[in-house]
Amino acid sequence: MAIEAELKAIVRDPKAVTERLEKAYGPGRPVLYQDTYYDTPAGLLDQGDRELRIRTVHAADDTRTVLTYKGARVDKASGSKPEHETRVEDAAAAHEIVRGLGYVPVIAFEKRCRNYSFSADGRDLLATLVRVPEIDGTFLEVETIAVSDSDLPAALSVVRDVLAGLGIESGDLTTELYTDAVAASR
């Protein structure tokens, strides 16, 4: 079972963190994520701490859509969840299929991101600077894949080391979901 080992932080000084990211990992790749989250009409996925999302990613040289299912958190402190994701050929068809199966869209929003892909301690990582127009502030997500529950602590240790190297302090970490923050702002 693949687990997305991820930590998210509030960025107090976006300019300084961007400079550290660029110096360490080269120029980031700007992308726009258009996310739609689905649930049953009774909210059973949310009640079970699960997520079903269709995301369309717009980059300078590519547009792609992915269908993602995230299971319940396996680590409360980080919010890390098992994740299953696949690329879909036709975004409109994917939305129709999900709705046809009885799921309803519960929230949709955009994330304006800058992605940095790199390796550390033998792991592939992704650092993403995030701005959500409906939420104040800038966020930094750093993630890698843990191959099992027993691998999760080691994966999160690497993520914490990367964050520390970027000047992010443990007090800046947050497990608040963008979906909750956007819903609260509306």
N, C-alpha and C. Protein backbone atom coordinates (compact mmCIF):
# COMPACT_ATOMS: atom_id res chain seq x y z
N MET A 1 0.85 -1.17 0.00
CA MET A 1 0.00 0.00 0.00
C MET A 1 0.89 1.24 0.00
N ALA A 2 0.75 2.07 -1.00
CA ALA A 2 1.51 3.32 -1.08
C ALA A 2 0.85 4.37 -0.18
N ILE A 3 1.67 5.04 0.62
CA ILE A 3 1.19 6.09 1.51
C ILE A 3 1.87 7.38 1.13
N GLU A 4 1.09 8.42 0.93
CA GLU A 4 1.65 9.74 0.66
C GLU A 4 2.14 10.31 2.00
N ALA A 5 3.45 10.29 2.19
CA ALA A 5 4.05 10.84 3.41
C ALA A 5 4.27 12.32 3.16
N GLU A 6 3.40 13.14 3.74
CA GLU A 6 3.40 14.55 3.41
C GLU A 6 3.27 15.39 4.67
N LEU A 7 3.99 16.51 4.66
CA LEU A 7 3.82 17.53 5.69
C LEU A 7 3.55 18.85 4.99
N LYS A 8 2.68 19.64 5.60
CA LYS A 8 2.31 20.94 5.05
C LYS A 8 2.60 21.99 6.11
N ALA A 9 3.13 23.12 5.65
CA ALA A 9 3.47 24.20 6.57
C ALA A 9 2.97 25.54 6.05
N ILE A 10 2.70 26.42 6.97
CA ILE A 10 2.42 27.81 6.64
C ILE A 10 3.78 28.47 6.42
N VAL A 11 3.92 29.19 5.32
CA VAL A 11 5.19 29.83 4.99
C VAL A 11 5.13 31.28 5.47
N ARG A 12 5.99 31.62 6.41
CA ARG A 12 6.01 32.98 6.99
C ARG A 12 6.73 33.97 6.08
N ASP A 13 7.74 33.48 5.33
CA ASP A 13 8.52 34.36 4.45
C ASP A 13 8.63 33.70 3.08
N PRO A 14 7.59 33.84 2.23
CA PRO A 14 7.58 33.16 0.93
C PRO A 14 8.78 33.48 0.06
N LYS A 15 9.25 34.72 0.08
CA LYS A 15 10.39 35.08 -0.76
C LYS A 15 11.64 34.30 -0.34
N ALA A 16 11.91 34.23 0.95
CA ALA A 16 13.10 33.52 1.43
C ALA A 16 13.00 32.02 1.14
N VAL A 17 11.84 31.44 1.34
CA VAL A 17 11.67 30.01 1.08
C VAL A 17 11.80 29.72 -0.41
N THR A 18 11.25 30.58 -1.24
CA THR A 18 11.39 30.40 -2.69
C THR A 18 12.86 30.46 -3.08
N GLU A 19 13.60 31.41 -2.54
CA GLU A 19 15.03 31.52 -2.85
C GLU A 19 15.78 30.26 -2.42
N ARG A 20 15.45 29.71 -1.24
CA ARG A 20 16.11 28.48 -0.77
C ARG A 20 15.78 27.30 -1.69
N LEU A 21 14.49 27.21 -2.09
CA LEU A 21 14.09 26.13 -2.99
C LEU A 21 14.83 26.23 -4.32
N GLU A 22 14.89 27.44 -4.89
CA GLU A 22 15.54 27.63 -6.18
C GLU A 22 17.04 27.32 -6.09
N LYS A 23 17.66 27.74 -5.01
CA LYS A 23 19.09 27.49 -4.84
C LYS A 23 19.37 25.99 -4.68
N ALA A 24 18.53 25.31 -3.92
CA ALA A 24 18.76 23.89 -3.65
C ALA A 24 18.34 22.98 -4.79
N TYR A 25 17.22 23.32 -5.47
CA TYR A 25 16.63 22.37 -6.41
C TYR A 25 16.42 22.91 -7.82
N GLY A 26 16.85 24.14 -8.06
CA GLY A 26 16.69 24.72 -9.39
C GLY A 26 15.34 25.39 -9.54
N PRO A 27 15.07 25.89 -10.73
CA PRO A 27 13.81 26.61 -10.93
C PRO A 27 12.60 25.68 -10.77
N GLY A 28 11.60 26.19 -10.09
CA GLY A 28 10.38 25.42 -9.92
C GLY A 28 9.52 25.49 -11.17
N ARG A 29 8.57 24.58 -11.23
CA ARG A 29 7.66 24.50 -12.38
C ARG A 29 6.29 25.05 -11.97
N PRO A 30 5.86 26.17 -12.56
CA PRO A 30 4.54 26.70 -12.20
C PRO A 30 3.43 25.84 -12.77
N VAL A 31 2.44 25.55 -11.94
CA VAL A 31 1.29 24.75 -12.35
C VAL A 31 0.03 25.31 -11.69
N LEU A 32 -1.08 25.07 -12.33
CA LEU A 32 -2.39 25.41 -11.78
C LEU A 32 -3.16 24.11 -11.60
N TYR A 33 -3.61 23.85 -10.39
CA TYR A 33 -4.43 22.68 -10.11
C TYR A 33 -5.89 23.14 -10.02
N GLN A 34 -6.76 22.45 -10.73
CA GLN A 34 -8.20 22.66 -10.59
C GLN A 34 -8.76 21.39 -9.97
N ASP A 35 -9.16 21.49 -8.72
CA ASP A 35 -9.58 20.34 -7.94
C ASP A 35 -11.08 20.33 -7.72
N THR A 36 -11.70 19.17 -7.91
CA THR A 36 -13.09 18.96 -7.54
C THR A 36 -13.12 17.73 -6.64
N TYR A 37 -13.68 17.91 -5.44
CA TYR A 37 -13.82 16.82 -4.48
C TYR A 37 -15.25 16.33 -4.50
N TYR A 38 -15.40 15.01 -4.44
CA TYR A 38 -16.70 14.35 -4.49
C TYR A 38 -16.95 13.58 -3.20
N ASP A 39 -18.23 13.37 -2.92
CA ASP A 39 -18.62 12.55 -1.77
C ASP A 39 -19.99 11.96 -2.08
N THR A 40 -20.45 11.07 -1.23
CA THR A 40 -21.82 10.59 -1.35
C THR A 40 -22.75 11.71 -0.88
N PRO A 41 -24.01 11.68 -1.25
CA PRO A 41 -24.93 12.71 -0.75
C PRO A 41 -24.98 12.76 0.78
N ALA A 42 -24.73 11.65 1.44
CA ALA A 42 -24.75 11.61 2.92
C ALA A 42 -23.39 11.97 3.53
N GLY A 43 -22.38 12.22 2.69
CA GLY A 43 -21.06 12.59 3.22
C GLY A 43 -20.28 11.43 3.81
N LEU A 44 -20.49 10.22 3.30
CA LEU A 44 -19.85 9.04 3.88
C LEU A 44 -18.33 9.03 3.73
N LEU A 45 -17.80 9.58 2.61
CA LEU A 45 -16.35 9.61 2.46
C LEU A 45 -15.74 10.51 3.53
N ASP A 46 -16.28 11.70 3.68
CA ASP A 46 -15.76 12.64 4.68
C ASP A 46 -15.87 12.04 6.08
N GLN A 47 -16.98 11.42 6.38
CA GLN A 47 -17.16 10.80 7.69
C GLN A 47 -16.12 9.71 7.95
N GLY A 48 -15.67 9.07 6.90
CA GLY A 48 -14.66 8.02 7.02
C GLY A 48 -13.24 8.53 6.81
N ASP A 49 -13.07 9.87 6.76
CA ASP A 49 -11.75 10.50 6.58
C ASP A 49 -11.12 10.10 5.24
N ARG A 50 -11.98 9.92 4.22
CA ARG A 50 -11.50 9.54 2.90
C ARG A 50 -11.80 10.66 1.90
N GLU A 51 -11.12 10.63 0.75
CA GLU A 51 -11.27 11.67 -0.26
C GLU A 51 -11.34 11.06 -1.65
N LEU A 52 -12.17 11.66 -2.48
CA LEU A 52 -12.25 11.31 -3.90
C LEU A 52 -12.15 12.62 -4.66
N ARG A 53 -11.13 12.72 -5.51
CA ARG A 53 -10.85 13.99 -6.18
C ARG A 53 -10.55 13.77 -7.65
N ILE A 54 -11.01 14.72 -8.46
CA ILE A 54 -10.55 14.82 -9.85
C ILE A 54 -9.78 16.13 -9.94
N ARG A 55 -8.55 16.03 -10.40
CA ARG A 55 -7.67 17.20 -10.51
C ARG A 55 -7.21 17.35 -11.95
N THR A 56 -7.37 18.55 -12.48
CA THR A 56 -6.77 18.87 -13.77
C THR A 56 -5.60 19.79 -13.50
N VAL A 57 -4.44 19.39 -14.03
CA VAL A 57 -3.18 20.10 -13.81
C VAL A 57 -2.81 20.81 -15.11
N HIS A 58 -2.70 22.12 -15.03
CA HIS A 58 -2.30 22.93 -16.19
C HIS A 58 -0.88 23.41 -15.97
N ALA A 59 0.02 23.01 -16.86
CA ALA A 59 1.40 23.47 -16.84
C ALA A 59 1.70 24.11 -18.19
N ALA A 60 2.85 24.74 -18.31
CA ALA A 60 3.19 25.44 -19.56
C ALA A 60 3.20 24.50 -20.76
N ASP A 61 3.62 23.26 -20.55
CA ASP A 61 3.79 22.34 -21.66
C ASP A 61 2.87 21.12 -21.62
N ASP A 62 1.90 21.11 -20.70
CA ASP A 62 1.10 19.90 -20.52
C ASP A 62 -0.16 20.23 -19.73
N THR A 63 -1.26 19.58 -20.09
CA THR A 63 -2.46 19.56 -19.27
C THR A 63 -2.85 18.11 -19.10
N ARG A 64 -3.07 17.72 -17.86
CA ARG A 64 -3.45 16.33 -17.59
C ARG A 64 -4.47 16.30 -16.46
N THR A 65 -5.24 15.23 -16.42
CA THR A 65 -6.25 15.06 -15.38
C THR A 65 -5.98 13.74 -14.67
N VAL A 66 -6.12 13.77 -13.34
CA VAL A 66 -5.91 12.57 -12.54
C VAL A 66 -7.09 12.37 -11.59
N LEU A 67 -7.41 11.11 -11.40
CA LEU A 67 -8.43 10.69 -10.46
C LEU A 67 -7.69 10.16 -9.24
N THR A 68 -8.06 10.65 -8.06
CA THR A 68 -7.35 10.27 -6.83
C THR A 68 -8.34 9.82 -5.77
N TYR A 69 -7.99 8.71 -5.12
CA TYR A 69 -8.69 8.25 -3.93
C TYR A 69 -7.69 8.22 -2.80
N LYS A 70 -8.04 8.85 -1.67
CA LYS A 70 -7.20 8.80 -0.48
C LYS A 70 -7.98 8.12 0.63
N GLY A 71 -7.36 7.12 1.22
CA GLY A 71 -7.97 6.42 2.35
C GLY A 71 -7.83 7.24 3.63
N ALA A 72 -8.31 6.69 4.72
CA ALA A 72 -8.24 7.36 6.01
C ALA A 72 -6.79 7.52 6.46
N ARG A 73 -6.55 8.57 7.25
CA ARG A 73 -5.20 8.85 7.76
C ARG A 73 -4.64 7.65 8.51
N VAL A 74 -3.39 7.37 8.25
CA VAL A 74 -2.69 6.32 8.99
C VAL A 74 -1.74 6.93 10.02
N ASP A 75 -1.59 8.25 9.96
CA ASP A 75 -0.75 8.97 10.91
C ASP A 75 -1.44 10.30 11.20
N LYS A 76 -2.00 10.43 12.38
CA LYS A 76 -2.76 11.64 12.73
C LYS A 76 -1.88 12.88 12.78
N ALA A 77 -0.65 12.74 13.26
CA ALA A 77 0.23 13.91 13.42
C ALA A 77 0.55 14.57 12.09
N SER A 78 0.76 13.78 11.04
CA SER A 78 1.11 14.34 9.74
C SER A 78 -0.09 14.44 8.80
N GLY A 79 -1.10 13.63 9.05
CA GLY A 79 -2.24 13.57 8.14
C GLY A 79 -1.98 12.67 6.94
N SER A 80 -0.88 11.91 6.95
CA SER A 80 -0.53 11.04 5.82
C SER A 80 -1.60 9.98 5.60
N LYS A 81 -1.90 9.76 4.31
CA LYS A 81 -2.96 8.84 3.92
C LYS A 81 -2.50 7.91 2.80
N PRO A 82 -3.05 6.69 2.75
CA PRO A 82 -2.84 5.87 1.57
C PRO A 82 -3.46 6.59 0.37
N GLU A 83 -2.76 6.55 -0.75
CA GLU A 83 -3.22 7.27 -1.93
C GLU A 83 -3.13 6.40 -3.17
N HIS A 84 -4.19 6.44 -3.96
CA HIS A 84 -4.23 5.73 -5.23
C HIS A 84 -4.64 6.75 -6.28
N GLU A 85 -3.82 6.87 -7.32
CA GLU A 85 -4.05 7.91 -8.32
C GLU A 85 -3.77 7.35 -9.70
N THR A 86 -4.60 7.79 -10.66
CA THR A 86 -4.37 7.38 -12.03
C THR A 86 -4.74 8.52 -12.97
N ARG A 87 -4.02 8.59 -14.05
CA ARG A 87 -4.31 9.60 -15.06
C ARG A 87 -5.54 9.17 -15.84
N VAL A 88 -6.39 10.14 -16.19
CA VAL A 88 -7.57 9.85 -17.01
C VAL A 88 -7.45 10.61 -18.32
N GLU A 89 -7.94 10.01 -19.35
CA GLU A 89 -7.83 10.57 -20.70
C GLU A 89 -8.74 11.76 -20.92
N ASP A 90 -9.96 11.71 -20.36
CA ASP A 90 -10.97 12.71 -20.66
C ASP A 90 -11.56 13.23 -19.34
N ALA A 91 -11.25 14.48 -18.99
CA ALA A 91 -11.70 15.06 -17.72
C ALA A 91 -13.22 15.08 -17.62
N ALA A 92 -13.88 15.53 -18.67
CA ALA A 92 -15.34 15.61 -18.63
C ALA A 92 -15.97 14.24 -18.42
N ALA A 93 -15.43 13.23 -19.08
CA ALA A 93 -15.94 11.87 -18.92
C ALA A 93 -15.71 11.37 -17.50
N ALA A 94 -14.56 11.69 -16.91
CA ALA A 94 -14.27 11.26 -15.54
C ALA A 94 -15.29 11.86 -14.57
N HIS A 95 -15.59 13.14 -14.74
CA HIS A 95 -16.59 13.78 -13.88
C HIS A 95 -17.96 13.11 -14.06
N GLU A 96 -18.33 12.80 -15.29
CA GLU A 96 -19.61 12.14 -15.56
C GLU A 96 -19.67 10.75 -14.94
N ILE A 97 -18.58 10.02 -15.03
CA ILE A 97 -18.54 8.67 -14.45
C ILE A 97 -18.73 8.74 -12.94
N VAL A 98 -17.99 9.62 -12.29
CA VAL A 98 -18.07 9.74 -10.83
C VAL A 98 -19.49 10.16 -10.42
N ARG A 99 -20.06 11.13 -11.13
CA ARG A 99 -21.44 11.55 -10.82
C ARG A 99 -22.42 10.41 -11.12
N GLY A 100 -22.19 9.69 -12.19
CA GLY A 100 -23.05 8.57 -12.55
C GLY A 100 -23.04 7.46 -11.51
N LEU A 101 -21.94 7.36 -10.77
CA LEU A 101 -21.85 6.36 -9.70
C LEU A 101 -22.50 6.84 -8.41
N GLY A 102 -23.06 8.04 -8.44
CA GLY A 102 -23.80 8.54 -7.28
C GLY A 102 -23.06 9.54 -6.42
N TYR A 103 -21.84 9.88 -6.79
CA TYR A 103 -21.09 10.88 -6.02
C TYR A 103 -21.49 12.27 -6.48
N VAL A 104 -21.43 13.22 -5.56
CA VAL A 104 -21.79 14.60 -5.88
C VAL A 104 -20.58 15.49 -5.57
N PRO A 105 -20.39 16.55 -6.37
CA PRO A 105 -19.30 17.46 -6.06
C PRO A 105 -19.62 18.23 -4.78
N VAL A 106 -18.66 18.27 -3.86
CA VAL A 106 -18.89 18.99 -2.61
C VAL A 106 -18.11 20.29 -2.54
N ILE A 107 -16.98 20.35 -3.24
CA ILE A 107 -16.21 21.59 -3.28
C ILE A 107 -15.24 21.54 -4.45
N ALA A 108 -15.05 22.69 -5.07
CA ALA A 108 -14.08 22.82 -6.17
C ALA A 108 -13.33 24.13 -5.95
N PHE A 109 -12.05 24.11 -6.23
CA PHE A 109 -11.23 25.32 -6.07
C PHE A 109 -9.94 25.15 -6.85
N GLU A 110 -9.18 26.25 -6.95
CA GLU A 110 -7.89 26.24 -7.65
C GLU A 110 -6.75 26.39 -6.65
N LYS A 111 -5.65 25.75 -6.99
CA LYS A 111 -4.39 25.92 -6.26
C LYS A 111 -3.35 26.40 -7.27
N ARG A 112 -2.71 27.50 -6.97
CA ARG A 112 -1.63 28.03 -7.81
C ARG A 112 -0.32 27.60 -7.17
N CYS A 113 0.42 26.78 -7.90
CA CYS A 113 1.57 26.09 -7.30
C CYS A 113 2.86 26.31 -8.08
N ARG A 114 3.94 26.04 -7.39
CA ARG A 114 5.27 25.98 -8.00
C ARG A 114 5.89 24.70 -7.45
N ASN A 115 6.17 23.74 -8.34
CA ASN A 115 6.65 22.41 -7.96
C ASN A 115 8.16 22.28 -8.14
N TYR A 116 8.76 21.61 -7.19
CA TYR A 116 10.19 21.30 -7.22
C TYR A 116 10.34 19.80 -7.00
N SER A 117 10.85 19.09 -7.99
CA SER A 117 11.08 17.64 -7.87
C SER A 117 12.56 17.40 -7.64
N PHE A 118 12.89 16.50 -6.69
CA PHE A 118 14.28 16.24 -6.35
C PHE A 118 14.37 14.93 -5.57
N SER A 119 15.57 14.51 -5.29
CA SER A 119 15.80 13.31 -4.49
C SER A 119 16.59 13.67 -3.24
N ALA A 120 16.30 12.96 -2.17
CA ALA A 120 17.05 13.12 -0.92
C ALA A 120 17.02 11.79 -0.18
N ASP A 121 18.14 11.38 0.33
CA ASP A 121 18.25 10.14 1.09
C ASP A 121 17.63 8.95 0.36
N GLY A 122 17.83 8.90 -0.96
CA GLY A 122 17.34 7.78 -1.76
C GLY A 122 15.85 7.82 -2.06
N ARG A 123 15.19 8.93 -1.78
CA ARG A 123 13.75 9.05 -2.03
C ARG A 123 13.48 10.17 -3.02
N ASP A 124 12.49 9.97 -3.89
CA ASP A 124 12.00 11.03 -4.76
C ASP A 124 11.03 11.87 -3.95
N LEU A 125 11.20 13.18 -4.02
CA LEU A 125 10.35 14.10 -3.28
C LEU A 125 9.78 15.16 -4.19
N LEU A 126 8.70 15.75 -3.72
CA LEU A 126 8.09 16.88 -4.40
C LEU A 126 7.82 17.94 -3.34
N ALA A 127 8.37 19.14 -3.57
CA ALA A 127 8.05 20.29 -2.72
C ALA A 127 7.18 21.21 -3.56
N THR A 128 6.09 21.65 -2.97
CA THR A 128 5.14 22.50 -3.69
C THR A 128 4.82 23.72 -2.86
N LEU A 129 5.11 24.89 -3.43
CA LEU A 129 4.65 26.15 -2.85
C LEU A 129 3.23 26.37 -3.35
N VAL A 130 2.31 26.65 -2.45
CA VAL A 130 0.89 26.69 -2.79
C VAL A 130 0.26 28.02 -2.36
N ARG A 131 -0.52 28.56 -3.28
CA ARG A 131 -1.41 29.69 -2.96
C ARG A 131 -2.80 29.28 -3.43
N VAL A 132 -3.75 29.43 -2.55
CA VAL A 132 -5.16 29.19 -2.87
C VAL A 132 -5.82 30.56 -2.78
N PRO A 133 -6.35 31.07 -3.89
CA PRO A 133 -6.88 32.44 -3.89
C PRO A 133 -7.87 32.74 -2.77
N GLU A 134 -8.61 31.75 -2.32
CA GLU A 134 -9.63 31.97 -1.30
C GLU A 134 -9.09 31.89 0.13
N ILE A 135 -7.80 31.58 0.27
CA ILE A 135 -7.20 31.43 1.60
C ILE A 135 -6.03 32.38 1.71
N ASP A 136 -5.92 33.06 2.82
CA ASP A 136 -4.77 33.93 3.04
C ASP A 136 -3.51 33.08 3.26
N GLY A 137 -2.40 33.55 2.73
CA GLY A 137 -1.12 32.93 3.01
C GLY A 137 -0.60 32.03 1.91
N THR A 138 0.63 31.62 2.12
CA THR A 138 1.34 30.69 1.24
C THR A 138 1.65 29.46 2.06
N PHE A 139 1.58 28.30 1.42
CA PHE A 139 1.83 27.03 2.10
C PHE A 139 2.94 26.29 1.35
N LEU A 140 3.61 25.41 2.07
CA LEU A 140 4.62 24.54 1.47
C LEU A 140 4.27 23.11 1.83
N GLU A 141 4.12 22.29 0.81
CA GLU A 141 3.91 20.85 1.00
C GLU A 141 5.18 20.14 0.55
N VAL A 142 5.64 19.21 1.34
CA VAL A 142 6.74 18.34 0.93
C VAL A 142 6.27 16.91 1.12
N GLU A 143 6.42 16.12 0.05
CA GLU A 143 5.91 14.76 0.10
C GLU A 143 6.85 13.77 -0.57
N THR A 144 6.71 12.54 -0.14
CA THR A 144 7.36 11.39 -0.76
C THR A 144 6.44 10.20 -0.54
N ILE A 145 6.80 9.07 -1.09
CA ILE A 145 5.97 7.88 -0.94
C ILE A 145 6.60 6.93 0.07
N ALA A 146 5.80 6.49 1.02
CA ALA A 146 6.19 5.41 1.92
C ALA A 146 5.55 4.14 1.36
N VAL A 147 6.32 3.08 1.29
CA VAL A 147 5.82 1.85 0.68
C VAL A 147 4.97 1.02 1.63
N SER A 148 5.00 1.36 2.93
CA SER A 148 4.23 0.61 3.92
C SER A 148 4.10 1.45 5.19
N ASP A 149 3.26 0.98 6.10
CA ASP A 149 3.12 1.65 7.40
C ASP A 149 4.47 1.72 8.12
N SER A 150 5.24 0.65 8.02
CA SER A 150 6.53 0.62 8.73
C SER A 150 7.56 1.55 8.10
N ASP A 151 7.39 1.90 6.83
CA ASP A 151 8.30 2.82 6.14
C ASP A 151 7.92 4.29 6.38
N LEU A 152 6.71 4.54 6.88
CA LEU A 152 6.23 5.91 7.04
C LEU A 152 7.11 6.77 7.96
N PRO A 153 7.53 6.29 9.13
CA PRO A 153 8.38 7.14 9.97
C PRO A 153 9.67 7.59 9.27
N ALA A 154 10.31 6.70 8.53
CA ALA A 154 11.54 7.06 7.82
C ALA A 154 11.25 8.07 6.72
N ALA A 155 10.15 7.87 5.99
CA ALA A 155 9.78 8.80 4.93
C ALA A 155 9.49 10.19 5.51
N LEU A 156 8.74 10.24 6.60
CA LEU A 156 8.43 11.53 7.23
C LEU A 156 9.68 12.19 7.81
N SER A 157 10.64 11.41 8.24
CA SER A 157 11.90 11.97 8.74
C SER A 157 12.64 12.71 7.63
N VAL A 158 12.65 12.14 6.44
CA VAL A 158 13.28 12.80 5.29
C VAL A 158 12.53 14.09 4.97
N VAL A 159 11.21 14.04 4.98
CA VAL A 159 10.40 15.22 4.71
C VAL A 159 10.69 16.31 5.74
N ARG A 160 10.77 15.94 7.01
CA ARG A 160 11.07 16.92 8.07
C ARG A 160 12.45 17.55 7.87
N ASP A 161 13.42 16.74 7.46
CA ASP A 161 14.77 17.26 7.21
C ASP A 161 14.76 18.28 6.07
N VAL A 162 14.01 17.99 5.01
CA VAL A 162 13.92 18.93 3.89
C VAL A 162 13.29 20.24 4.36
N LEU A 163 12.20 20.14 5.11
CA LEU A 163 11.54 21.34 5.62
C LEU A 163 12.48 22.16 6.50
N ALA A 164 13.21 21.49 7.37
CA ALA A 164 14.14 22.21 8.25
C ALA A 164 15.21 22.91 7.42
N GLY A 165 15.70 22.25 6.38
CA GLY A 165 16.71 22.84 5.51
C GLY A 165 16.19 24.06 4.76
N LEU A 166 14.88 24.16 4.64
CA LEU A 166 14.26 25.31 3.97
C LEU A 166 13.86 26.40 4.96
N GLY A 167 14.19 26.18 6.23
CA GLY A 167 13.90 27.18 7.25
C GLY A 167 12.50 27.10 7.82
N ILE A 168 11.82 25.98 7.60
CA ILE A 168 10.47 25.80 8.13
C ILE A 168 10.58 25.17 9.52
N GLU A 169 9.94 25.80 10.49
CA GLU A 169 9.98 25.30 11.87
C GLU A 169 8.77 24.40 12.15
N SER A 170 8.91 23.52 13.11
CA SER A 170 7.83 22.57 13.41
C SER A 170 6.54 23.29 13.82
N GLY A 171 6.64 24.47 14.41
CA GLY A 171 5.46 25.22 14.79
C GLY A 171 4.66 25.75 13.60
N ASP A 172 5.27 25.72 12.42
CA ASP A 172 4.58 26.19 11.22
C ASP A 172 3.82 25.07 10.51
N LEU A 173 3.96 23.83 10.98
CA LEU A 173 3.25 22.71 10.36
C LEU A 173 1.76 22.80 10.64
N THR A 174 0.98 22.35 9.68
CA THR A 174 -0.47 22.34 9.82
C THR A 174 -1.04 21.09 9.15
N THR A 175 -2.11 20.59 9.71
CA THR A 175 -2.83 19.47 9.08
C THR A 175 -4.19 19.92 8.56
N GLU A 176 -4.46 21.23 8.61
CA GLU A 176 -5.72 21.73 8.08
C GLU A 176 -5.80 21.43 6.59
N LEU A 177 -6.94 20.92 6.17
CA LEU A 177 -7.15 20.59 4.77
C LEU A 177 -7.56 21.83 4.00
N TYR A 178 -7.10 21.94 2.75
CA TYR A 178 -7.52 23.06 1.91
C TYR A 178 -9.04 23.06 1.74
N THR A 179 -9.62 21.87 1.64
CA THR A 179 -11.07 21.80 1.45
C THR A 179 -11.79 22.46 2.62
N ASP A 180 -11.31 22.21 3.84
CA ASP A 180 -11.94 22.82 5.02
C ASP A 180 -11.72 24.33 5.05
N ALA A 181 -10.50 24.77 4.71
CA ALA A 181 -10.20 26.20 4.73
C ALA A 181 -11.00 26.96 3.67
N VAL A 182 -11.12 26.37 2.48
CA VAL A 182 -11.90 27.03 1.42
C VAL A 182 -13.38 27.06 1.82
N ALA A 183 -13.88 25.96 2.34
CA ALA A 183 -15.29 25.92 2.77
C ALA A 183 -15.54 26.99 3.84
N ALA A 184 -14.63 27.14 4.77
CA ALA A 184 -14.80 28.14 5.85
C ALA A 184 -14.77 29.56 5.28
N SER A 185 -13.95 29.79 4.24
CA SER A 185 -13.86 31.13 3.66
C SER A 185 -15.10 31.49 2.86
N ARG A 186 -15.83 30.49 2.42
CA ARG A 186 -17.04 30.74 1.63
C ARG A 186 -18.22 30.98 2.53
